[in-house]
């Protein structure tokens, strides 16, 4: 009777998780989605603790307290601009938890496993291990601890392939002797190393895809752990996370018109060797403007589309952006925001930042919904975006981003680009937009530039 009741609670939890995901699809209902998911998780944890045979409640309570304190601190203190890093770390925690459970099962079982249980434990260990170290490497890249450019070396893919084959071979040996600690330890080390080596050649432009993929990996690892432990909650939850992560990965790849294999193995984002040794793009016929000049253009505009990018996040300029937009709106300017699917370093990065700044959701438009409107727009204000507004994606077949859907900002009457310097974007190539006749450049920190623009307008 207790088992049936617990499984019923797991079913209710799974339903709440699915409803939570559905509500997360819109900013208007996202809070409700989070609340439903939290209730579902609390119910699943309670049911698990009530399962007959569970013991060691002292250690469990200690773990819950530590996890609650860390999670609560992160939720309160981590800035919205650092959300990609936190998501990467949370993916890593999910992978690490699965790998540790698998290791504990191997250590605690002296009678051996049936083939299916052994297979799921191995998958949980391998996928969980590479998810953990891959997520830590992603965090290091996002934090600037490791170069955001692809890090490559001769024979890299061959070396990675050898590691994969060695892991498969050692897994076969473990099937023959599940108690072999040396083989188990070797598999663990190889899976941890593979996570680092797999993310090392990934550039900053592809971080949204990698975060989605690592999220899917963490879900798959959790699901495998659920099969090994015969825990329906883990199976269902892991499957939901894995499936949604894979689906989101596909969406991100489509948004860049690239395959997942190209993202993983092409080392996309290496700086074009034809550029100067400083890594800066040539100035060409760029027209640099002063704050007063840009303020005059904005004051005489009837319509404005703001295109945010990672530079806005790095400068923490979302609040200054909203303040400028609010003021122009009060002066009768029609203000909208154009959001590219892969702008920033995680899916929905720009939406999250703008929501934090209380930008009305009605002003946010996806690329497909606003691209046709640029031709009839007076001014486009590009804040820290680069590759997602590069016309080379449409005009230059030799460009590495050729075929990638981009925002048609160059069709507007005037384009103003706020940029810290002439450094290239994540794709490592020159942006043709910057030297077009209707483009004006305003160099400097985005937040400071926006604040100066607002002050100039108010004068």
Protein backbone atom coordinates (compact mmCIF):
# COMPACT_ATOMS: atom_id res chain seq x y z
CA UNK A 1 0.00 0.00 0.00
CA UNK A 2 2.84 2.39 0.88
CA UNK A 3 4.57 1.68 -2.44
CA UNK A 4 1.39 2.43 -4.41
CA UNK A 5 0.89 5.69 -2.50
CA UNK A 6 4.48 6.76 -3.15
CA UNK A 7 4.15 6.01 -6.86
CA UNK A 8 0.92 8.02 -6.96
CA UNK A 9 2.74 10.99 -5.41
CA UNK A 10 5.49 10.56 -8.01
CA UNK A 11 2.85 10.69 -10.74
CA UNK A 12 1.41 13.89 -9.30
CA UNK A 13 4.92 15.35 -9.09
CA UNK A 14 5.59 14.47 -12.73
CA UNK A 15 2.35 16.18 -13.74
CA UNK A 16 3.36 19.31 -11.83
CA UNK A 17 6.78 19.25 -13.54
CA UNK A 18 5.18 19.10 -16.98
CA UNK A 19 2.78 21.91 -16.11
CA UNK A 20 5.71 23.89 -14.77
CA UNK A 21 7.60 23.54 -18.05
CA UNK A 22 4.50 24.58 -19.98
CA UNK A 23 4.04 27.72 -17.87
CA UNK A 24 7.73 28.59 -18.18
CA UNK A 25 7.18 29.13 -21.91
CA UNK A 26 5.82 32.63 -21.24
CA UNK A 27 7.18 35.39 -18.95
CA UNK A 28 3.62 36.10 -17.84
CA UNK A 29 3.19 32.62 -16.36
CA UNK A 30 6.83 31.80 -15.51
CA UNK A 31 6.38 32.47 -11.78
CA UNK A 32 3.50 30.01 -11.64
CA UNK A 33 5.62 27.49 -13.56
CA UNK A 34 8.40 27.80 -11.02
CA UNK A 35 5.95 27.46 -8.13
CA UNK A 36 4.34 24.31 -9.55
CA UNK A 37 7.76 22.76 -10.18
CA UNK A 38 8.86 23.56 -6.63
CA UNK A 39 5.73 21.92 -5.19
CA UNK A 40 6.31 18.89 -7.39
CA UNK A 41 9.92 18.55 -6.28
CA UNK A 42 9.01 18.95 -2.60
CA UNK A 43 6.38 16.21 -2.96
CA UNK A 44 8.82 13.89 -4.73
CA UNK A 45 11.48 14.39 -2.05
CA UNK A 46 8.94 13.77 0.71
CA UNK A 47 7.72 10.58 -0.97
CA UNK A 48 11.28 9.33 -1.39
CA UNK A 49 12.07 9.91 2.27
CA UNK A 50 8.90 8.00 3.19
CA UNK A 51 9.91 4.96 1.13
CA UNK A 52 10.33 1.83 3.28
CA UNK A 53 13.97 0.94 3.83
CA UNK A 54 15.31 4.49 3.73
CA UNK A 55 17.79 5.10 6.55
CA UNK A 56 20.56 7.52 7.47
CA UNK A 57 18.18 10.40 8.07
CA UNK A 58 20.81 12.41 9.95
CA UNK A 59 23.06 12.62 6.89
CA UNK A 60 20.04 13.27 4.66
CA UNK A 61 18.91 16.20 6.81
CA UNK A 62 22.46 17.60 6.83
CA UNK A 63 22.55 17.36 3.04
CA UNK A 64 19.15 19.04 2.67
CA UNK A 65 20.20 21.90 4.96
CA UNK A 66 23.48 22.45 3.10
CA UNK A 67 21.77 22.33 -0.30
CA UNK A 68 19.03 24.69 0.84
CA UNK A 69 21.53 27.23 2.14
CA UNK A 70 23.61 27.14 -1.05
CA UNK A 71 20.57 27.32 -3.32
CA UNK A 72 18.96 30.10 -1.31
CA UNK A 73 22.16 32.13 -1.24
CA UNK A 74 22.60 31.71 -5.00
CA UNK A 75 19.01 32.74 -5.70
CA UNK A 76 19.34 35.92 -3.64
CA UNK A 77 22.92 37.01 -4.33
CA UNK A 78 23.74 35.93 -7.89
CA UNK A 79 23.20 38.78 -10.33
CA UNK A 80 21.00 38.27 -13.36
CA UNK A 81 24.01 38.97 -15.57
CA UNK A 82 25.67 35.89 -14.06
CA UNK A 83 22.70 33.61 -14.71
CA UNK A 84 24.45 31.62 -17.50
CA UNK A 85 27.29 30.76 -15.11
CA UNK A 86 24.83 29.64 -12.42
CA UNK A 87 22.88 27.51 -14.90
CA UNK A 88 26.14 25.87 -15.99
CA UNK A 89 27.05 25.07 -12.39
CA UNK A 90 23.59 23.67 -11.64
CA UNK A 91 23.90 21.38 -14.68
CA UNK A 92 27.23 20.24 -13.29
CA UNK A 93 25.72 19.57 -9.87
CA UNK A 94 23.08 17.33 -11.46
CA UNK A 95 25.73 15.36 -13.30
CA UNK A 96 27.94 15.07 -10.24
CA UNK A 97 25.04 13.81 -8.11
CA UNK A 98 24.26 11.06 -10.63
CA UNK A 99 27.92 10.02 -10.88
CA UNK A 100 28.29 9.91 -7.09
CA UNK A 101 25.16 7.77 -6.70
CA UNK A 102 26.52 5.35 -9.31
CA UNK A 103 29.88 5.14 -7.52
CA UNK A 104 28.11 4.55 -4.20
CA UNK A 105 26.09 1.70 -5.74
CA UNK A 106 29.25 0.09 -7.08
CA UNK A 107 30.96 0.40 -3.69
CA UNK A 108 27.97 -0.80 -1.68
CA UNK A 109 27.00 -3.88 -3.69
CA UNK A 110 29.13 -6.96 -3.15
CA UNK A 111 26.79 -9.45 -4.84
CA UNK A 112 27.01 -7.99 -8.34
CA UNK A 113 24.36 -6.54 -10.65
CA UNK A 114 22.15 -7.81 -13.40
CA UNK A 115 23.16 -6.60 -16.89
CA UNK A 116 20.51 -3.88 -17.16
CA UNK A 117 21.34 -2.35 -13.76
CA UNK A 118 25.06 -2.45 -14.54
CA UNK A 119 24.47 -0.74 -17.88
CA UNK A 120 22.39 2.05 -16.35
CA UNK A 121 24.91 2.60 -13.57
CA UNK A 122 27.74 2.84 -16.09
CA UNK A 123 25.80 5.33 -18.20
CA UNK A 124 24.95 7.34 -15.09
CA UNK A 125 28.63 7.42 -14.10
CA UNK A 126 29.98 8.29 -17.56
CA UNK A 127 27.35 10.84 -18.58
CA UNK A 128 27.23 12.34 -15.09
CA UNK A 129 31.02 12.64 -14.91
CA UNK A 130 31.45 14.35 -18.26
CA UNK A 131 28.47 16.61 -17.53
CA UNK A 132 30.09 17.73 -14.28
CA UNK A 133 33.51 18.63 -15.68
CA UNK A 134 32.03 19.93 -18.95
CA UNK A 135 29.78 22.26 -16.97
CA UNK A 136 32.69 23.44 -14.83
CA UNK A 137 34.64 24.19 -18.01
CA UNK A 138 31.63 26.06 -19.42
CA UNK A 139 31.46 28.06 -16.18
CA UNK A 140 35.18 28.86 -16.45
CA UNK A 141 34.72 30.11 -20.01
CA UNK A 142 31.69 32.20 -19.10
CA UNK A 143 33.59 33.71 -16.17
CA UNK A 144 36.62 34.48 -18.33
CA UNK A 145 38.86 32.10 -16.35
CA UNK A 146 39.49 30.25 -19.61
CA UNK A 147 39.55 31.87 -23.05
CA UNK A 148 36.10 32.22 -24.59
CA UNK A 149 37.76 31.46 -27.93
CA UNK A 150 38.03 27.80 -28.99
CA UNK A 151 41.13 26.16 -27.55
CA UNK A 152 42.47 23.62 -30.04
CA UNK A 153 45.60 21.54 -30.60
CA UNK A 154 46.78 19.10 -33.30
CA UNK A 155 45.02 15.73 -33.25
CA UNK A 156 42.42 16.94 -30.76
CA UNK A 157 39.45 15.02 -32.17
CA UNK A 158 41.53 11.86 -32.60
CA UNK A 159 42.65 12.08 -28.98
CA UNK A 160 39.07 12.56 -27.80
CA UNK A 161 38.01 9.59 -29.93
CA UNK A 162 40.68 7.41 -28.31
CA UNK A 163 39.32 8.36 -24.87
CA UNK A 164 35.79 7.40 -25.94
CA UNK A 165 36.99 4.02 -27.28
CA UNK A 166 39.03 3.41 -24.12
CA UNK A 167 35.95 4.15 -21.99
CA UNK A 168 33.86 1.68 -24.00
CA UNK A 169 36.57 -0.99 -23.74
CA UNK A 170 36.92 -0.51 -19.98
CA UNK A 171 33.13 -0.67 -19.61
CA UNK A 172 33.20 -4.08 -21.30
CA UNK A 173 35.85 -5.24 -18.83
CA UNK A 174 33.72 -3.98 -15.94
CA UNK A 175 30.82 -6.08 -17.22
CA UNK A 176 33.05 -9.12 -16.79
CA UNK A 177 34.22 -8.07 -13.32
CA UNK A 178 31.90 -5.48 -11.68
CA UNK A 179 34.03 -5.43 -8.54
CA UNK A 180 37.21 -4.30 -10.29
CA UNK A 181 37.97 -0.99 -8.56
CA UNK A 182 40.89 -0.14 -10.88
CA UNK A 183 38.71 -0.40 -13.99
CA UNK A 184 35.91 1.58 -12.30
CA UNK A 185 38.35 4.30 -11.26
CA UNK A 186 39.78 4.48 -14.79
CA UNK A 187 36.30 4.91 -16.30
CA UNK A 188 35.59 7.68 -13.81
CA UNK A 189 38.81 9.54 -14.63
CA UNK A 190 38.28 9.20 -18.38
CA UNK A 191 34.69 10.48 -18.21
CA UNK A 192 35.79 13.47 -16.14
CA UNK A 193 38.60 14.22 -18.59
CA UNK A 194 36.29 13.88 -21.59
CA UNK A 195 33.99 16.56 -20.21
CA UNK A 196 36.85 19.06 -20.06
CA UNK A 197 38.23 18.17 -23.48
CA UNK A 198 34.80 18.25 -25.14
CA UNK A 199 34.01 21.82 -24.03
CA UNK A 200 37.54 23.23 -24.41
CA UNK A 201 37.23 23.77 -28.20
CA UNK A 202 33.79 25.41 -27.90
CA UNK A 203 33.71 29.17 -28.39
CA UNK A 204 31.62 31.76 -26.57
CA UNK A 205 29.20 32.10 -29.49
CA UNK A 206 28.12 28.49 -29.00
CA UNK A 207 27.61 28.65 -25.24
CA UNK A 208 23.77 28.73 -25.53
CA UNK A 209 23.91 25.40 -27.38
CA UNK A 210 26.40 23.85 -24.97
CA UNK A 211 24.40 24.88 -21.90
CA UNK A 212 21.30 23.26 -23.44
CA UNK A 213 23.24 20.12 -24.31
CA UNK A 214 24.78 19.82 -20.85
CA UNK A 215 21.31 20.27 -19.39
CA UNK A 216 20.13 17.35 -21.53
CA UNK A 217 23.11 15.27 -20.40
CA UNK A 218 22.33 15.93 -16.74
CA UNK A 219 18.74 14.80 -17.31
CA UNK A 220 19.85 11.61 -19.06
CA UNK A 221 22.25 10.83 -16.21
CA UNK A 222 19.47 11.32 -13.65
CA UNK A 223 17.14 9.08 -15.67
CA UNK A 224 19.77 6.31 -15.82
CA UNK A 225 20.21 6.61 -12.05
CA UNK A 226 16.45 6.23 -11.67
CA UNK A 227 16.48 2.98 -13.64
CA UNK A 228 19.36 1.66 -11.55
CA UNK A 229 17.60 2.54 -8.28
CA UNK A 230 14.10 1.62 -9.52
CA UNK A 231 12.96 5.15 -8.64
CA UNK A 232 10.11 6.35 -10.84
CA UNK A 233 10.52 9.99 -9.85
CA UNK A 234 14.12 10.08 -11.09
CA UNK A 235 13.20 8.27 -14.30
CA UNK A 236 10.38 10.70 -15.12
CA UNK A 237 12.20 13.86 -14.02
CA UNK A 238 15.40 12.91 -15.81
CA UNK A 239 13.51 12.08 -18.98
CA UNK A 240 11.72 15.45 -18.90
CA UNK A 241 14.97 17.35 -18.41
CA UNK A 242 16.80 15.29 -21.03
CA UNK A 243 14.06 15.61 -23.65
CA UNK A 244 13.53 19.34 -23.11
CA UNK A 245 17.30 19.94 -23.17
CA UNK A 246 17.71 18.08 -26.45
CA UNK A 247 14.75 19.88 -27.98
CA UNK A 248 16.14 23.27 -26.90
CA UNK A 249 19.56 22.30 -28.28
CA UNK A 250 17.91 21.66 -31.65
CA UNK A 251 16.16 25.05 -31.50
CA UNK A 252 19.46 26.83 -30.76
CA UNK A 253 21.25 25.03 -33.61
CA UNK A 254 18.44 25.93 -36.02
CA UNK A 255 18.69 29.56 -34.91
CA UNK A 256 22.33 29.55 -36.09
CA UNK A 257 21.63 27.38 -39.15
CA UNK A 258 24.27 24.91 -37.98
CA UNK A 259 24.29 21.26 -37.06
CA UNK A 260 25.14 20.01 -33.58
CA UNK A 261 28.21 18.27 -35.03
CA UNK A 262 29.40 21.60 -36.42
CA UNK A 263 28.97 23.23 -33.00
CA UNK A 264 30.89 20.46 -31.23
CA UNK A 265 33.72 19.88 -33.68
CA UNK A 266 34.27 22.96 -35.88
CA UNK A 267 36.00 25.18 -33.26
CA UNK A 268 33.70 27.99 -34.41
CA UNK A 269 34.86 31.42 -33.27
CA UNK A 270 38.60 31.27 -33.88
CA UNK A 271 39.73 34.78 -34.80
CA UNK A 272 40.22 35.36 -38.52
CA UNK A 273 43.98 35.31 -39.16
CA UNK A 274 43.58 38.09 -41.71
CA UNK A 275 42.75 40.50 -38.91
CA UNK A 276 45.39 42.59 -37.24
CA UNK A 277 47.57 41.00 -34.58
CA UNK A 278 45.65 42.98 -31.99
CA UNK A 279 42.50 41.06 -32.85
CA UNK A 280 40.70 44.25 -33.79
CA UNK A 281 38.63 44.74 -36.91
CA UNK A 282 39.82 47.39 -39.40
CA UNK A 283 38.10 50.74 -39.02
CA UNK A 284 37.38 51.07 -42.76
CA UNK A 285 34.82 53.80 -43.39
CA UNK A 286 33.26 53.68 -39.93
CA UNK A 287 31.62 56.87 -38.74
CA UNK A 288 32.22 57.52 -35.08
CA UNK A 289 29.74 59.87 -33.37
CA UNK A 290 29.72 61.77 -30.13
CA UNK A 291 26.95 61.43 -27.54
CA UNK A 292 25.35 64.74 -28.54
CA UNK A 293 25.14 63.66 -32.19
CA UNK A 294 23.45 60.37 -31.30
CA UNK A 295 21.08 62.16 -28.89
CA UNK A 296 19.98 64.46 -31.74
CA UNK A 297 19.22 61.46 -33.96
CA UNK A 298 17.18 59.77 -31.22
CA UNK A 299 15.30 62.98 -30.40
CA UNK A 300 14.11 63.25 -34.00
CA UNK A 301 13.12 59.60 -34.39
CA UNK A 302 9.55 58.45 -34.64
CA UNK A 303 10.34 54.76 -34.18
CA UNK A 304 13.17 52.93 -32.45
CA UNK A 305 14.13 49.26 -32.26
CA UNK A 306 16.67 48.27 -29.60
CA UNK A 307 18.81 45.21 -30.29
CA UNK A 308 20.51 43.94 -27.09
CA UNK A 309 23.49 41.59 -27.07
CA UNK A 310 26.04 40.13 -24.69
CA UNK A 311 27.74 43.53 -24.44
CA UNK A 312 24.65 44.83 -22.66
CA UNK A 313 24.90 41.99 -20.17
CA UNK A 314 28.63 42.47 -19.63
CA UNK A 315 28.12 46.19 -18.94
CA UNK A 316 25.02 45.50 -16.81
CA UNK A 317 23.26 48.11 -18.91
CA UNK A 318 19.75 46.67 -18.88
CA UNK A 319 18.40 49.25 -16.42
CA UNK A 320 19.99 52.16 -18.29
CA UNK A 321 18.51 50.75 -21.50
CA UNK A 322 15.01 50.70 -20.02
CA UNK A 323 15.38 54.24 -18.62
CA UNK A 324 16.38 55.57 -22.05
CA UNK A 325 13.53 53.66 -23.73
CA UNK A 326 11.01 54.94 -21.16
CA UNK A 327 12.05 58.54 -21.71
CA UNK A 328 11.87 58.25 -25.49
CA UNK A 329 8.49 56.55 -25.16
CA UNK A 330 7.24 59.49 -23.12
CA UNK A 331 8.36 61.78 -25.97
CA UNK A 332 6.19 59.89 -28.43
CA UNK A 333 8.80 57.54 -29.90
CA UNK A 334 7.57 54.00 -30.65
CA UNK A 335 10.07 51.74 -28.85
CA UNK A 336 10.46 48.01 -29.37
CA UNK A 337 13.13 45.39 -28.67
CA UNK A 338 14.35 42.80 -31.19
CA UNK A 339 15.57 39.59 -29.54
CA UNK A 340 17.76 37.13 -31.44
CA UNK A 341 17.41 33.51 -30.20
CA UNK A 342 21.14 33.10 -29.49
CA UNK A 343 21.94 36.62 -28.28
CA UNK A 344 23.93 36.29 -25.06
CA UNK A 345 25.29 33.12 -23.54
CA UNK A 346 22.24 31.07 -22.70
CA UNK A 347 18.75 30.63 -24.17
CA UNK A 348 16.57 33.58 -23.22
CA UNK A 349 19.53 35.53 -21.79
CA UNK A 350 18.30 38.90 -23.10
CA UNK A 351 14.71 38.23 -22.02
CA UNK A 352 15.89 37.48 -18.49
CA UNK A 353 17.95 40.67 -18.25
CA UNK A 354 15.22 42.89 -19.68
CA UNK A 355 12.62 41.30 -17.42
CA UNK A 356 14.83 42.10 -14.43
CA UNK A 357 14.82 45.73 -15.59
CA UNK A 358 10.98 45.66 -15.79
CA UNK A 359 10.86 46.16 -19.55
CA UNK A 360 7.23 45.52 -20.61
CA UNK A 361 6.93 42.11 -22.22
CA UNK A 362 4.74 43.64 -24.94
CA UNK A 363 7.80 45.53 -26.23
CA UNK A 364 9.85 42.35 -26.77
CA UNK A 365 9.73 40.78 -30.22
CA UNK A 366 11.39 37.60 -31.50
CA UNK A 367 13.54 37.87 -34.63
CA UNK A 368 10.97 36.28 -36.94
CA UNK A 369 8.24 38.65 -35.71
CA UNK A 370 10.15 41.91 -36.20
CA UNK A 371 12.62 41.37 -39.04
CA UNK A 372 10.23 42.71 -41.67
CA UNK A 373 9.78 45.95 -39.69
CA UNK A 374 13.38 47.20 -39.81
CA UNK A 375 12.96 48.74 -43.27
CA UNK A 376 10.26 51.08 -41.94
CA UNK A 377 12.12 51.98 -38.73
CA UNK A 378 13.81 55.34 -38.18
CA UNK A 379 16.56 54.23 -35.80
CA UNK A 380 17.98 50.92 -34.60
CA UNK A 381 20.07 51.02 -31.43
CA UNK A 382 22.43 48.02 -31.25
CA UNK A 383 23.73 47.55 -27.68
CA UNK A 384 26.64 45.16 -27.51
CA UNK A 385 25.37 42.80 -30.23
CA UNK A 386 27.75 41.74 -32.97
CA UNK A 387 27.42 38.50 -34.90
CA UNK A 388 23.60 38.42 -34.74
CA UNK A 389 23.44 41.70 -36.73
CA UNK A 390 26.23 40.95 -39.21
CA UNK A 391 24.98 41.17 -42.83
CA UNK A 392 27.84 38.86 -43.88
CA UNK A 393 25.57 36.00 -42.82
CA UNK A 394 23.44 36.86 -45.87
CA UNK A 395 25.93 38.30 -48.34
CA UNK A 396 29.28 36.53 -47.91
CA UNK A 397 29.33 32.79 -48.79
CA UNK A 398 32.89 32.51 -47.45
CA UNK A 399 31.93 33.80 -44.01
CA UNK A 400 31.77 31.20 -41.20
CA UNK A 401 28.34 32.55 -40.22
CA UNK A 402 26.92 32.45 -43.77
CA UNK A 403 23.37 31.10 -43.67
CA UNK A 404 22.83 32.01 -40.01
CA UNK A 405 19.52 33.87 -39.55
CA UNK A 406 20.35 37.41 -38.38
CA UNK A 407 18.43 40.59 -37.58
CA UNK A 408 18.01 42.82 -40.66
CA UNK A 409 19.09 45.97 -38.82
CA UNK A 410 20.99 47.36 -41.83
CA UNK A 411 17.65 48.04 -43.56
CA UNK A 412 16.71 50.76 -41.05
CA UNK A 413 17.18 54.44 -41.95
CA UNK A 414 19.86 54.87 -39.26
CA UNK A 415 21.74 52.28 -37.20
CA UNK A 416 23.57 53.33 -34.03
CA UNK A 417 25.97 50.78 -32.59
CA UNK A 418 27.10 51.02 -28.96
CA UNK A 419 30.36 49.12 -28.65
CA UNK A 420 33.23 49.19 -26.17
CA UNK A 421 35.96 48.78 -28.80
CA UNK A 422 36.67 47.49 -32.29
CA UNK A 423 37.27 43.96 -31.04
CA UNK A 424 35.62 41.23 -33.07
CA UNK A 425 32.60 39.32 -31.82
CA UNK A 426 32.45 35.67 -30.76
CA UNK A 427 32.59 34.50 -34.38
CA UNK A 428 36.00 36.16 -34.73
CA UNK A 429 35.16 38.01 -37.96
CA UNK A 430 34.67 41.57 -39.18
CA UNK A 431 31.13 42.94 -39.01
CA UNK A 432 30.14 44.53 -42.33
CA UNK A 433 27.38 46.52 -40.60
CA UNK A 434 29.87 48.79 -38.85
CA UNK A 435 31.15 50.37 -42.08
CA UNK A 436 27.80 50.81 -43.84
CA UNK A 437 26.68 54.31 -44.88
CA UNK A 438 23.71 54.39 -42.49
CA UNK A 439 25.63 53.14 -39.44
CA UNK A 440 27.00 55.37 -36.68
CA UNK A 441 29.36 54.05 -33.98
CA UNK A 442 29.34 55.24 -30.36
CA UNK A 443 32.31 53.76 -28.52
CA UNK A 444 32.49 53.27 -24.77
CA UNK A 445 30.97 51.30 -21.91
CA UNK A 446 27.34 50.61 -22.82
CA UNK A 447 25.86 51.63 -19.47
CA UNK A 448 27.86 54.85 -19.31
CA UNK A 449 27.01 55.68 -22.93
CA UNK A 450 23.29 55.14 -22.32
CA UNK A 451 23.35 57.30 -19.21
CA UNK A 452 25.11 60.09 -21.12
CA UNK A 453 22.58 59.79 -23.94
CA UNK A 454 19.68 60.12 -21.52
CA UNK A 455 21.28 63.17 -19.88
CA UNK A 456 21.85 64.77 -23.29
CA UNK A 457 18.26 64.14 -24.32
CA UNK A 458 16.88 65.70 -21.16
CA UNK A 459 18.86 68.87 -21.82
